[in-house]
Amino acid sequence: MNPLQFQERLLKLERDLAARTARETKLGREQSDQGVADVGDAGVSEESASADFNEAELDSTLLVQVRDALRRIETGAFGLCLADGGPIDVKRLEASPWVGYCLKHQQLLEAASRHRFPTL
């Protein structure tokens, strides 16, 4: 596997996510700053701003993962599991080139997260 084949895809994704995060944050701020005529309008405005901020937060989280993957390409660690240094399946990287864990360790992390923060 050649990590550089993923680099251009990650760089494009980084640009897109950075632009989208900035746009969604700006929209959320505009919604929050808007004057409202009544309580109903205030509720709609607040809900819209919250949705924009949530989207920006999700994109920002993915952006961090993309930038981490780009750093791993630079250091030669791309495609290696952060937990044990073993290889990450190429099909997994093709689907999500920003992943830092093999499927086994990703599942263990998710299970631990569910255990710590159970769904209500």
N, C-alpha and C. Protein backbone atom coordinates (compact mmCIF):
# COMPACT_ATOMS: atom_id res chain seq x y z
N MET A 1 0.84 -1.18 0.00
CA MET A 1 0.00 0.00 0.00
C MET A 1 0.89 1.25 0.00
N ASN A 2 0.54 2.18 -0.83
CA ASN A 2 1.27 3.44 -0.93
C ASN A 2 0.45 4.54 -0.25
N PRO A 3 0.89 5.03 0.90
CA PRO A 3 0.13 6.06 1.62
C PRO A 3 -0.10 7.34 0.80
N LEU A 4 0.80 7.62 -0.11
CA LEU A 4 0.66 8.85 -0.89
C LEU A 4 -0.58 8.81 -1.80
N GLN A 5 -1.06 7.61 -2.12
CA GLN A 5 -2.27 7.52 -2.93
C GLN A 5 -3.48 8.09 -2.17
N PHE A 6 -3.40 8.10 -0.85
CA PHE A 6 -4.49 8.63 -0.03
C PHE A 6 -4.31 10.12 0.28
N GLN A 7 -3.11 10.62 0.12
CA GLN A 7 -2.79 11.99 0.53
C GLN A 7 -3.64 13.03 -0.20
N GLU A 8 -3.75 12.94 -1.50
CA GLU A 8 -4.53 13.95 -2.25
C GLU A 8 -5.99 13.92 -1.84
N ARG A 9 -6.52 12.73 -1.65
CA ARG A 9 -7.92 12.61 -1.21
C ARG A 9 -8.12 13.25 0.16
N LEU A 10 -7.17 13.01 1.07
CA LEU A 10 -7.25 13.60 2.40
C LEU A 10 -7.09 15.12 2.35
N LEU A 11 -6.20 15.61 1.50
CA LEU A 11 -6.00 17.06 1.38
C LEU A 11 -7.26 17.74 0.86
N LYS A 12 -7.93 17.12 -0.12
CA LYS A 12 -9.18 17.69 -0.64
C LYS A 12 -10.26 17.68 0.45
N LEU A 13 -10.34 16.57 1.16
CA LEU A 13 -11.32 16.47 2.24
C LEU A 13 -11.04 17.51 3.32
N GLU A 14 -9.77 17.73 3.62
CA GLU A 14 -9.39 18.74 4.61
C GLU A 14 -9.88 20.13 4.18
N ARG A 15 -9.64 20.48 2.93
CA ARG A 15 -10.10 21.79 2.43
C ARG A 15 -11.62 21.91 2.50
N ASP A 16 -12.32 20.86 2.06
CA ASP A 16 -13.79 20.89 2.07
C ASP A 16 -14.35 21.00 3.49
N LEU A 17 -13.79 20.22 4.41
CA LEU A 17 -14.29 20.25 5.80
C LEU A 17 -13.99 21.59 6.47
N ALA A 18 -12.82 22.15 6.21
CA ALA A 18 -12.48 23.44 6.82
C ALA A 18 -13.44 24.52 6.33
N ALA A 19 -13.72 24.52 5.04
CA ALA A 19 -14.65 25.51 4.47
C ALA A 19 -16.06 25.30 5.01
N ARG A 20 -16.49 24.04 5.06
CA ARG A 20 -17.85 23.75 5.53
C ARG A 20 -18.00 24.09 7.01
N THR A 21 -16.99 23.79 7.82
CA THR A 21 -17.04 24.11 9.24
C THR A 21 -17.17 25.62 9.45
N ALA A 22 -16.37 26.38 8.71
CA ALA A 22 -16.43 27.84 8.83
C ALA A 22 -17.80 28.35 8.40
N ARG A 23 -18.33 27.80 7.31
CA ARG A 23 -19.64 28.24 6.81
C ARG A 23 -20.75 27.92 7.81
N GLU A 24 -20.74 26.70 8.37
CA GLU A 24 -21.78 26.31 9.31
C GLU A 24 -21.70 27.11 10.61
N THR A 25 -20.50 27.39 11.06
CA THR A 25 -20.33 28.20 12.27
C THR A 25 -20.84 29.61 12.03
N LYS A 26 -20.53 30.15 10.86
CA LYS A 26 -21.01 31.50 10.52
C LYS A 26 -22.54 31.53 10.47
N LEU A 27 -23.14 30.51 9.85
CA LEU A 27 -24.60 30.45 9.78
C LEU A 27 -25.21 30.35 11.17
N GLY A 28 -24.61 29.54 12.03
CA GLY A 28 -25.10 29.42 13.40
C GLY A 28 -25.04 30.73 14.15
N ARG A 29 -23.94 31.46 13.96
CA ARG A 29 -23.82 32.77 14.62
C ARG A 29 -24.84 33.76 14.09
N GLU A 30 -25.05 33.72 12.78
CA GLU A 30 -26.04 34.63 12.19
C GLU A 30 -27.44 34.33 12.72
N GLN A 31 -27.74 33.03 12.85
CA GLN A 31 -29.05 32.65 13.40
C GLN A 31 -29.19 33.12 14.84
N SER A 32 -28.12 33.00 15.61
CA SER A 32 -28.15 33.41 17.01
C SER A 32 -28.27 34.92 17.16
N ASP A 33 -27.65 35.66 16.25
CA ASP A 33 -27.63 37.12 16.34
C ASP A 33 -28.87 37.78 15.75
N GLN A 34 -29.68 37.01 15.03
CA GLN A 34 -30.86 37.59 14.38
C GLN A 34 -31.85 38.10 15.42
N GLY A 35 -32.40 39.27 15.14
CA GLY A 35 -33.50 39.76 15.97
C GLY A 35 -34.75 38.96 15.64
N VAL A 36 -35.57 38.70 16.63
CA VAL A 36 -36.77 37.91 16.39
C VAL A 36 -37.99 38.72 16.81
N ALA A 37 -39.07 38.46 16.11
CA ALA A 37 -40.28 39.22 16.34
C ALA A 37 -41.11 38.67 17.50
N ASP A 38 -41.08 37.36 17.68
CA ASP A 38 -41.87 36.77 18.75
C ASP A 38 -41.21 35.50 19.28
N VAL A 39 -41.83 34.89 20.27
CA VAL A 39 -41.27 33.71 20.92
C VAL A 39 -41.15 32.54 19.94
N GLY A 40 -42.11 32.39 19.06
CA GLY A 40 -42.08 31.31 18.07
C GLY A 40 -40.89 31.46 17.14
N ASP A 41 -40.67 32.70 16.67
CA ASP A 41 -39.52 32.95 15.81
C ASP A 41 -38.22 32.70 16.55
N ALA A 42 -38.17 33.05 17.82
CA ALA A 42 -36.97 32.83 18.62
C ALA A 42 -36.66 31.34 18.73
N GLY A 43 -37.68 30.52 18.93
CA GLY A 43 -37.49 29.08 19.02
C GLY A 43 -36.97 28.48 17.73
N VAL A 44 -37.53 28.91 16.61
CA VAL A 44 -37.09 28.43 15.31
C VAL A 44 -35.65 28.86 15.05
N SER A 45 -35.35 30.10 15.37
CA SER A 45 -34.00 30.63 15.17
C SER A 45 -32.99 29.87 16.02
N GLU A 46 -33.34 29.61 17.26
CA GLU A 46 -32.44 28.89 18.18
C GLU A 46 -32.21 27.46 17.71
N GLU A 47 -33.27 26.80 17.25
CA GLU A 47 -33.14 25.43 16.76
C GLU A 47 -32.28 25.38 15.50
N SER A 48 -32.46 26.32 14.62
CA SER A 48 -31.66 26.38 13.40
C SER A 48 -30.19 26.63 13.70
N ALA A 49 -29.93 27.54 14.64
CA ALA A 49 -28.55 27.83 15.04
C ALA A 49 -27.92 26.60 15.66
N SER A 50 -28.67 25.88 16.50
CA SER A 50 -28.17 24.68 17.14
C SER A 50 -27.80 23.62 16.10
N ALA A 51 -28.64 23.46 15.09
CA ALA A 51 -28.36 22.48 14.03
C ALA A 51 -27.09 22.86 13.28
N ASP A 52 -26.92 24.15 12.98
CA ASP A 52 -25.71 24.61 12.29
C ASP A 52 -24.47 24.35 13.13
N PHE A 53 -24.54 24.64 14.43
CA PHE A 53 -23.40 24.42 15.32
C PHE A 53 -23.10 22.92 15.46
N ASN A 54 -24.13 22.08 15.51
CA ASN A 54 -23.91 20.63 15.60
C ASN A 54 -23.20 20.11 14.36
N GLU A 55 -23.62 20.57 13.18
CA GLU A 55 -22.96 20.16 11.94
C GLU A 55 -21.51 20.62 11.93
N ALA A 56 -21.28 21.85 12.37
CA ALA A 56 -19.91 22.37 12.43
C ALA A 56 -19.06 21.53 13.38
N GLU A 57 -19.62 21.12 14.49
CA GLU A 57 -18.88 20.31 15.46
C GLU A 57 -18.52 18.94 14.88
N LEU A 58 -19.47 18.31 14.20
CA LEU A 58 -19.20 17.01 13.58
C LEU A 58 -18.12 17.13 12.51
N ASP A 59 -18.23 18.17 11.68
CA ASP A 59 -17.23 18.38 10.64
C ASP A 59 -15.86 18.70 11.24
N SER A 60 -15.86 19.44 12.32
CA SER A 60 -14.61 19.79 12.99
C SER A 60 -13.93 18.55 13.56
N THR A 61 -14.70 17.64 14.11
CA THR A 61 -14.17 16.39 14.65
C THR A 61 -13.54 15.56 13.54
N LEU A 62 -14.23 15.46 12.41
CA LEU A 62 -13.68 14.72 11.28
C LEU A 62 -12.44 15.42 10.72
N LEU A 63 -12.45 16.74 10.72
CA LEU A 63 -11.30 17.50 10.25
C LEU A 63 -10.05 17.18 11.08
N VAL A 64 -10.20 17.07 12.38
CA VAL A 64 -9.08 16.69 13.25
C VAL A 64 -8.56 15.31 12.86
N GLN A 65 -9.45 14.38 12.60
CA GLN A 65 -9.04 13.03 12.21
C GLN A 65 -8.32 13.03 10.87
N VAL A 66 -8.79 13.84 9.93
CA VAL A 66 -8.15 13.94 8.61
C VAL A 66 -6.75 14.52 8.77
N ARG A 67 -6.62 15.56 9.56
CA ARG A 67 -5.29 16.16 9.78
C ARG A 67 -4.35 15.20 10.49
N ASP A 68 -4.87 14.41 11.41
CA ASP A 68 -4.05 13.39 12.07
C ASP A 68 -3.56 12.36 11.04
N ALA A 69 -4.44 11.96 10.13
CA ALA A 69 -4.06 11.00 9.09
C ALA A 69 -2.97 11.59 8.19
N LEU A 70 -3.09 12.86 7.85
CA LEU A 70 -2.06 13.51 7.03
C LEU A 70 -0.71 13.54 7.76
N ARG A 71 -0.74 13.75 9.07
CA ARG A 71 0.51 13.71 9.85
C ARG A 71 1.10 12.30 9.86
N ARG A 72 0.21 11.30 9.93
CA ARG A 72 0.71 9.93 9.91
C ARG A 72 1.36 9.59 8.57
N ILE A 73 0.85 10.18 7.48
CA ILE A 73 1.49 9.98 6.18
C ILE A 73 2.90 10.57 6.22
N GLU A 74 3.02 11.78 6.78
CA GLU A 74 4.32 12.46 6.85
C GLU A 74 5.32 11.68 7.70
N THR A 75 4.85 11.04 8.76
CA THR A 75 5.76 10.34 9.68
C THR A 75 5.98 8.88 9.31
N GLY A 76 5.24 8.40 8.33
CA GLY A 76 5.38 7.01 7.92
C GLY A 76 4.53 6.04 8.72
N ALA A 77 3.62 6.55 9.53
CA ALA A 77 2.78 5.69 10.37
C ALA A 77 1.39 5.46 9.77
N PHE A 78 1.12 6.01 8.60
CA PHE A 78 -0.20 5.85 7.98
C PHE A 78 -0.45 4.38 7.66
N GLY A 79 -1.65 3.94 7.96
CA GLY A 79 -2.03 2.56 7.67
C GLY A 79 -1.67 1.59 8.78
N LEU A 80 -1.12 2.14 9.87
CA LEU A 80 -0.78 1.30 11.02
C LEU A 80 -1.70 1.66 12.19
N CYS A 81 -2.20 0.66 12.86
CA CYS A 81 -3.12 0.85 13.98
C CYS A 81 -2.42 1.60 15.10
N LEU A 82 -3.09 2.60 15.62
CA LEU A 82 -2.54 3.38 16.73
C LEU A 82 -2.45 2.57 18.02
N ALA A 83 -3.22 1.51 18.12
CA ALA A 83 -3.22 0.71 19.35
C ALA A 83 -2.04 -0.25 19.41
N ASP A 84 -1.76 -0.94 18.30
CA ASP A 84 -0.72 -1.97 18.36
C ASP A 84 0.30 -1.91 17.22
N GLY A 85 0.15 -0.95 16.31
CA GLY A 85 1.10 -0.81 15.21
C GLY A 85 0.90 -1.80 14.09
N GLY A 86 -0.11 -2.64 14.20
CA GLY A 86 -0.42 -3.60 13.13
C GLY A 86 -1.06 -2.90 11.95
N PRO A 87 -1.11 -3.56 10.80
CA PRO A 87 -1.68 -2.93 9.61
C PRO A 87 -3.20 -2.76 9.70
N ILE A 88 -3.66 -1.67 9.12
CA ILE A 88 -5.11 -1.44 8.96
C ILE A 88 -5.45 -1.95 7.57
N ASP A 89 -6.53 -2.71 7.46
CA ASP A 89 -6.95 -3.29 6.19
C ASP A 89 -7.09 -2.19 5.13
N VAL A 90 -6.56 -2.44 3.94
CA VAL A 90 -6.58 -1.45 2.86
C VAL A 90 -8.02 -1.07 2.49
N LYS A 91 -8.93 -2.04 2.51
CA LYS A 91 -10.34 -1.73 2.19
C LYS A 91 -10.91 -0.76 3.21
N ARG A 92 -10.50 -0.89 4.45
CA ARG A 92 -10.97 0.04 5.50
C ARG A 92 -10.43 1.44 5.22
N LEU A 93 -9.16 1.52 4.83
CA LEU A 93 -8.56 2.83 4.51
C LEU A 93 -9.17 3.43 3.25
N GLU A 94 -9.50 2.60 2.29
CA GLU A 94 -10.14 3.11 1.07
C GLU A 94 -11.51 3.71 1.39
N ALA A 95 -12.22 3.08 2.31
CA ALA A 95 -13.54 3.58 2.70
C ALA A 95 -13.44 4.84 3.56
N SER A 96 -12.47 4.87 4.48
CA SER A 96 -12.30 5.98 5.41
C SER A 96 -10.81 6.18 5.67
N PRO A 97 -10.12 6.91 4.81
CA PRO A 97 -8.66 7.00 4.93
C PRO A 97 -8.16 7.72 6.18
N TRP A 98 -9.04 8.30 6.96
CA TRP A 98 -8.64 9.01 8.17
C TRP A 98 -8.60 8.10 9.40
N VAL A 99 -9.05 6.86 9.28
CA VAL A 99 -9.10 5.99 10.46
C VAL A 99 -7.70 5.71 10.99
N GLY A 100 -7.61 5.59 12.29
CA GLY A 100 -6.33 5.34 12.93
C GLY A 100 -6.24 3.98 13.60
N TYR A 101 -7.33 3.23 13.53
CA TYR A 101 -7.36 1.94 14.22
C TYR A 101 -7.83 0.85 13.27
N CYS A 102 -7.29 -0.34 13.46
CA CYS A 102 -7.80 -1.50 12.74
C CYS A 102 -9.22 -1.76 13.25
N LEU A 103 -9.95 -2.57 12.53
CA LEU A 103 -11.35 -2.82 12.88
C LEU A 103 -11.48 -3.40 14.29
N LYS A 104 -10.61 -4.32 14.66
CA LYS A 104 -10.67 -4.93 15.99
C LYS A 104 -10.55 -3.87 17.08
N HIS A 105 -9.56 -3.01 16.99
CA HIS A 105 -9.36 -2.00 18.03
C HIS A 105 -10.43 -0.91 17.99
N GLN A 106 -10.93 -0.58 16.80
CA GLN A 106 -12.02 0.39 16.71
C GLN A 106 -13.26 -0.14 17.43
N GLN A 107 -13.55 -1.42 17.23
CA GLN A 107 -14.71 -2.02 17.90
C GLN A 107 -14.53 -2.05 19.41
N LEU A 108 -13.31 -2.33 19.85
CA LEU A 108 -13.04 -2.31 21.29
C LEU A 108 -13.22 -0.90 21.88
N LEU A 109 -12.76 0.12 21.16
CA LEU A 109 -12.93 1.51 21.62
C LEU A 109 -14.41 1.88 21.70
N GLU A 110 -15.16 1.49 20.67
CA GLU A 110 -16.59 1.82 20.66
C GLU A 110 -17.32 1.08 21.78
N ALA A 111 -16.96 -0.17 22.01
CA ALA A 111 -17.60 -0.93 23.10
C ALA A 111 -17.28 -0.29 24.45
N ALA A 112 -16.04 0.13 24.64
CA ALA A 112 -15.67 0.79 25.90
C ALA A 112 -16.41 2.10 26.06
N SER A 113 -16.59 2.82 24.98
CA SER A 113 -17.32 4.09 25.03
C SER A 113 -18.78 3.85 25.40
N ARG A 114 -19.38 2.84 24.82
CA ARG A 114 -20.79 2.52 25.14
C ARG A 114 -20.92 2.11 26.60
N HIS A 115 -19.92 1.40 27.10
CA HIS A 115 -19.95 0.95 28.49
C HIS A 115 -19.83 2.15 29.45
N ARG A 116 -18.98 3.10 29.10
CA ARG A 116 -18.80 4.29 29.97
C ARG A 116 -19.97 5.25 29.89
N PHE A 117 -20.58 5.36 28.71
CA PHE A 117 -21.69 6.30 28.50
C PHE A 117 -22.89 5.55 27.96
N PRO A 118 -23.59 4.80 28.79
CA PRO A 118 -24.73 4.02 28.30
C PRO A 118 -25.83 4.92 27.78
N THR A 119 -26.54 4.40 26.79
CA THR A 119 -27.66 5.12 26.22
C THR A 119 -28.83 5.10 27.19
N LEU A 120 -29.49 6.22 27.32
CA LEU A 120 -30.62 6.30 28.25
C LEU A 120 -31.87 5.81 27.61
